Every structure is written in C-alpha cells, then in structure tokens.
PDB file of N, CA and C in Angstrom:
ATOM      1  N   MET A   1       0.827  -1.184   0.000  1.00  0.00           N
ATOM      2  CA  MET A   1       0.000   0.000   0.000  1.00  0.00           C
ATOM      3  C   MET A   1       0.873   1.250   0.000  1.00  0.00           C
ATOM      4  N   SER A   2       1.953   1.235   0.756  1.00  0.00           N
ATOM      5  CA  SER A   2       2.822   2.414   0.804  1.00  0.00           C
ATOM      6  C   SER A   2       3.449   2.679  -0.559  1.00  0.00           C
ATOM      7  N   PHE A   3       3.749   1.615  -1.294  1.00  0.00           N
ATOM      8  CA  PHE A   3       4.350   1.774  -2.621  1.00  0.00           C
ATOM      9  C   PHE A   3       3.386   2.488  -3.562  1.00  0.00           C
ATOM     10  N   GLU A   4       2.119   2.087  -3.550  1.00  0.00           N
ATOM     11  CA  GLU A   4       1.123   2.715  -4.419  1.00  0.00           C
ATOM     12  C   GLU A   4       0.911   4.181  -4.064  1.00  0.00           C
ATOM     13  N   LEU A   5       0.861   4.466  -2.759  1.00  0.00           N
ATOM     14  CA  LEU A   5       0.692   5.858  -2.346  1.00  0.00           C
ATOM     15  C   LEU A   5       1.895   6.696  -2.757  1.00  0.00           C
ATOM     16  N   LYS A   6       3.096   6.129  -2.609  1.00  0.00           N
ATOM     17  CA  LYS A   6       4.307   6.854  -2.978  1.00  0.00           C
ATOM     18  C   LYS A   6       4.341   7.122  -4.476  1.00  0.00           C
ATOM     19  N   GLU A   7       3.886   6.160  -5.287  1.00  0.00           N
ATOM     20  CA  GLU A   7       3.841   6.348  -6.741  1.00  0.00           C
ATOM     21  C   GLU A   7       2.910   7.489  -7.129  1.00  0.00           C
ATOM     22  N   GLN A   8       1.843   7.671  -6.357  1.00  0.00           N
ATOM     23  CA  GLN A   8       0.874   8.729  -6.632  1.00  0.00           C
ATOM     24  C   GLN A   8       1.303  10.068  -6.049  1.00  0.00           C
ATOM     25  N   GLY A   9       2.454  10.092  -5.394  1.00  0.00           N
ATOM     26  CA  GLY A   9       2.962  11.327  -4.813  1.00  0.00           C
ATOM     27  C   GLY A   9       2.342  11.674  -3.473  1.00  0.00           C
ATOM     28  N   ILE A  10       1.732  10.686  -2.827  1.00  0.00           N
ATOM     29  CA  ILE A  10       1.103  10.910  -1.529  1.00  0.00           C
ATOM     30  C   ILE A  10       2.052  10.433  -0.442  1.00  0.00           C
ATOM     31  N   ARG A  11       2.381  11.334   0.487  1.00  0.00           N
ATOM     32  CA  ARG A  11       3.246  10.967   1.593  1.00  0.00           C
ATOM     33  C   ARG A  11       2.394  10.469   2.736  1.00  0.00           C
ATOM     34  N   ALA A  12       2.783   9.333   3.300  1.00  0.00           N
ATOM     35  CA  ALA A  12       2.012   8.764   4.403  1.00  0.00           C
ATOM     36  C   ALA A  12       2.962   8.090   5.382  1.00  0.00           C
ATOM     37  N   SER A  13       2.694   8.278   6.662  1.00  0.00           N
ATOM     38  CA  SER A  13       3.507   7.659   7.700  1.00  0.00           C
ATOM     39  C   SER A  13       3.062   6.214   7.909  1.00  0.00           C
ATOM     40  N   ARG A  14       3.896   5.452   8.599  1.00  0.00           N
ATOM     41  CA  ARG A  14       3.557   4.049   8.885  1.00  0.00           C
ATOM     42  C   ARG A  14       2.261   3.915   9.671  1.00  0.00           C
ATOM     43  N   PRO A  15       2.033   4.760  10.708  1.00  0.00           N
ATOM     44  CA  PRO A  15       0.767   4.647  11.437  1.00  0.00           C
ATOM     45  C   PRO A  15      -0.457   4.936  10.556  1.00  0.00           C
ATOM     46  N   ARG A  16      -0.330   5.882   9.646  1.00  0.00           N
ATOM     47  CA  ARG A  16      -1.452   6.201   8.756  1.00  0.00           C
ATOM     48  C   ARG A  16      -1.731   5.035   7.813  1.00  0.00           C
ATOM     49  N   ILE A  17      -0.682   4.434   7.273  1.00  0.00           N
ATOM     50  CA  ILE A  17      -0.849   3.289   6.387  1.00  0.00           C
ATOM     51  C   ILE A  17      -1.476   2.129   7.154  1.00  0.00           C
ATOM     52  N   ALA A  18      -1.030   1.908   8.389  1.00  0.00           N
ATOM     53  CA  ALA A  18      -1.600   0.841   9.214  1.00  0.00           C
ATOM     54  C   ALA A  18      -3.082   1.091   9.468  1.00  0.00           C
ATOM     55  N   ARG A  19      -3.451   2.342   9.735  1.00  0.00           N
ATOM     56  CA  ARG A  19      -4.847   2.688   9.976  1.00  0.00           C
ATOM     57  C   ARG A  19      -5.692   2.459   8.720  1.00  0.00           C
ATOM     58  N   LEU A  20      -5.174   2.855   7.560  1.00  0.00           N
ATOM     59  CA  LEU A  20      -5.899   2.638   6.311  1.00  0.00           C
ATOM     60  C   LEU A  20      -6.045   1.158   6.003  1.00  0.00           C
ATOM     61  N   MET A  21      -4.996   0.392   6.272  1.00  0.00           N
ATOM     62  CA  MET A  21      -5.061  -1.046   6.021  1.00  0.00           C
ATOM     63  C   MET A  21      -6.107  -1.703   6.918  1.00  0.00           C
ATOM     64  N   ARG A  22      -6.186  -1.279   8.184  1.00  0.00           N
ATOM     65  CA  ARG A  22      -7.221  -1.818   9.076  1.00  0.00           C
ATOM     66  C   ARG A  22      -8.613  -1.425   8.589  1.00  0.00           C
ATOM     67  N   LYS A  23      -8.749  -0.171   8.155  1.00  0.00           N
ATOM     68  CA  LYS A  23     -10.040   0.330   7.696  1.00  0.00           C
ATOM     69  C   LYS A  23     -10.563  -0.474   6.513  1.00  0.00           C
ATOM     70  N   TYR A  24      -9.687  -0.785   5.567  1.00  0.00           N
ATOM     71  CA  TYR A  24     -10.089  -1.504   4.363  1.00  0.00           C
ATOM     72  C   TYR A  24      -9.824  -3.009   4.453  1.00  0.00           C
ATOM     73  N   GLN A  25      -9.480  -3.473   5.644  1.00  0.00           N
ATOM     74  CA  GLN A  25      -9.247  -4.895   5.926  1.00  0.00           C
ATOM     75  C   GLN A  25      -8.215  -5.501   4.965  1.00  0.00           C
ATOM     76  N   ILE A  26      -7.098  -4.816   4.819  1.00  0.00           N
ATOM     77  CA  ILE A  26      -5.992  -5.285   3.989  1.00  0.00           C
ATOM     78  C   ILE A  26      -4.920  -5.843   4.915  1.00  0.00           C
ATOM     79  N   GLN A  27      -4.407  -7.027   4.594  1.00  0.00           N
ATOM     80  CA  GLN A  27      -3.357  -7.628   5.395  1.00  0.00           C
ATOM     81  C   GLN A  27      -2.079  -7.731   4.581  1.00  0.00           C
ATOM     82  N   SER A  28      -0.979  -7.554   5.246  1.00  0.00           N
ATOM     83  CA  SER A  28       0.319  -7.682   4.619  1.00  0.00           C
ATOM     84  C   SER A  28       0.610  -9.145   4.334  1.00  0.00           C
ATOM     85  N   ILE A  29       1.270  -9.425   3.214  1.00  0.00           N
ATOM     86  CA  ILE A  29       1.625 -10.809   2.889  1.00  0.00           C
ATOM     87  C   ILE A  29       3.121 -11.035   3.033  1.00  0.00           C
ATOM     88  N   VAL A  30       3.835 -10.015   3.442  1.00  0.00           N
ATOM     89  CA  VAL A  30       5.281 -10.111   3.605  1.00  0.00           C
ATOM     90  C   VAL A  30       5.600 -10.440   5.051  1.00  0.00           C
ATOM     91  N   ARG A  31       6.368 -11.493   5.264  1.00  0.00           N
ATOM     92  CA  ARG A  31       6.788 -11.847   6.621  1.00  0.00           C
ATOM     93  C   ARG A  31       8.116 -11.155   6.904  1.00  0.00           C
ATOM     94  N   LYS A  32       8.193 -10.518   8.049  1.00  0.00           N
ATOM     95  CA  LYS A  32       9.407  -9.801   8.426  1.00  0.00           C
ATOM     96  C   LYS A  32      10.392 -10.749   9.097  1.00  0.00           C
ATOM     97  N   ASN A  33      11.654 -10.569   8.802  1.00  0.00           N
ATOM     98  CA  ASN A  33      12.727 -11.241   9.531  1.00  0.00           C
ATOM     99  C   ASN A  33      13.546 -10.139  10.165  1.00  0.00           C
ATOM    100  N   THR A  34      13.485 -10.053  11.466  1.00  0.00           N
ATOM    101  CA  THR A  34      14.147  -8.951  12.166  1.00  0.00           C
ATOM    102  C   THR A  34      15.665  -9.081  12.138  1.00  0.00           C
ATOM    103  N   GLY A  35      16.155 -10.270  11.829  1.00  0.00           N
ATOM    104  CA  GLY A  35      17.592 -10.456  11.777  1.00  0.00           C
ATOM    105  C   GLY A  35      18.217 -10.540  13.152  1.00  0.00           C
ATOM    106  N   SER A  36      17.393 -10.643  14.181  1.00  0.00           N
ATOM    107  CA  SER A  36      17.939 -10.670  15.528  1.00  0.00           C
ATOM    108  C   SER A  36      18.632 -11.999  15.834  1.00  0.00           C
ATOM    109  N   ARG A  37      18.209 -13.056  15.156  1.00  0.00           N
ATOM    110  CA  ARG A  37      18.878 -14.339  15.341  1.00  0.00           C
ATOM    111  C   ARG A  37      18.775 -15.135  14.033  1.00  0.00           C
ATOM    112  N   PRO A  38      19.762 -15.948  13.773  1.00  0.00           N
ATOM    113  CA  PRO A  38      19.747 -16.711  12.520  1.00  0.00           C
ATOM    114  C   PRO A  38      18.687 -17.806  12.548  1.00  0.00           C
ATOM    115  N   LEU A  39      18.294 -18.239  11.375  1.00  0.00           N
ATOM    116  CA  LEU A  39      17.314 -19.304  11.247  1.00  0.00           C
ATOM    117  C   LEU A  39      17.990 -20.638  11.503  1.00  0.00           C
ATOM    118  N   THR A  40      17.541 -21.338  12.521  1.00  0.00           N
ATOM    119  CA  THR A  40      18.119 -22.634  12.872  1.00  0.00           C
ATOM    120  C   THR A  40      17.433 -23.736  12.072  1.00  0.00           C
ATOM    121  N   PRO A  41      18.043 -24.921  11.960  1.00  0.00           N
ATOM    122  CA  PRO A  41      17.396 -26.017  11.235  1.00  0.00           C
ATOM    123  C   PRO A  41      16.020 -26.382  11.812  1.00  0.00           C
ATOM    124  N   THR A  42      15.869 -26.302  13.132  1.00  0.00           N
ATOM    125  CA  THR A  42      14.577 -26.595  13.747  1.00  0.00           C
ATOM    126  C   THR A  42      13.536 -25.575  13.313  1.00  0.00           C
ATOM    127  N   MET A  43      13.921 -24.307  13.333  1.00  0.00           N
ATOM    128  CA  MET A  43      13.002 -23.256  12.918  1.00  0.00           C
ATOM    129  C   MET A  43      12.654 -23.405  11.440  1.00  0.00           C
ATOM    130  N   ALA A  44      13.632 -23.789  10.626  1.00  0.00           N
ATOM    131  CA  ALA A  44      13.393 -23.963   9.192  1.00  0.00           C
ATOM    132  C   ALA A  44      12.393 -25.094   8.943  1.00  0.00           C
ATOM    133  N   SER A  45      12.516 -26.187   9.682  1.00  0.00           N
ATOM    134  CA  SER A  45      11.565 -27.293   9.487  1.00  0.00           C
ATOM    135  C   SER A  45      10.164 -26.889   9.928  1.00  0.00           C
ATOM    136  N   ARG A  46      10.063 -26.113  10.998  1.00  0.00           N
ATOM    137  CA  ARG A  46       8.743 -25.618  11.420  1.00  0.00           C
ATOM    138  C   ARG A  46       8.162 -24.699  10.366  1.00  0.00           C
ATOM    139  N   TRP A  47       8.998 -23.848   9.804  1.00  0.00           N
ATOM    140  CA  TRP A  47       8.560 -22.897   8.785  1.00  0.00           C
ATOM    141  C   TRP A  47       8.027 -23.651   7.556  1.00  0.00           C
ATOM    142  N   GLN A  48       8.677 -24.727   7.157  1.00  0.00           N
ATOM    143  CA  GLN A  48       8.241 -25.491   5.997  1.00  0.00           C
ATOM    144  C   GLN A  48       6.885 -26.140   6.258  1.00  0.00           C
ATOM    145  N   ARG A  49       6.633 -26.564   7.492  1.00  0.00           N
ATOM    146  CA  ARG A  49       5.330 -27.166   7.801  1.00  0.00           C
ATOM    147  C   ARG A  49       4.226 -26.140   7.799  1.00  0.00           C
ATOM    148  N   ILE A  50       4.552 -24.890   8.135  1.00  0.00           N
ATOM    149  CA  ILE A  50       3.540 -23.829   8.183  1.00  0.00           C
ATOM    150  C   ILE A  50       3.149 -23.400   6.778  1.00  0.00           C
ATOM    151  N   THR A  51       4.131 -23.241   5.910  1.00  0.00           N
ATOM    152  CA  THR A  51       3.847 -22.717   4.570  1.00  0.00           C
ATOM    153  C   THR A  51       3.425 -23.771   3.607  1.00  0.00           C
TER     154      THR A  51
END
C-alpha cells in the first residue's frame, strides 16, 4: 500500500498506512525477519510445515 501511495505522490507515515489497512481490511503478505537471530534447522523445518 505504501508503494502505491508513494507512486501517486502521496506521503504517508507508517501509522497512517496501518490505519488505512485496518479500515479496508488489507493484510500484509510479507513476513518480516528482524535479523535478531539466525534461522536454525529446527526453525526452518517448522517454517516449511507452516507454509
């Protein structure tokens, strides 16, 4: 959503985008990896079962 708004020349903060997404019931499909810890083999096997 932020990409589309930016293409149209509309500036929007993260909280505003989050509010609009809630309003229109839009969910993000991108999973974040914070990079705080590496992916272990156990975590990778769990991830494969989820997806």
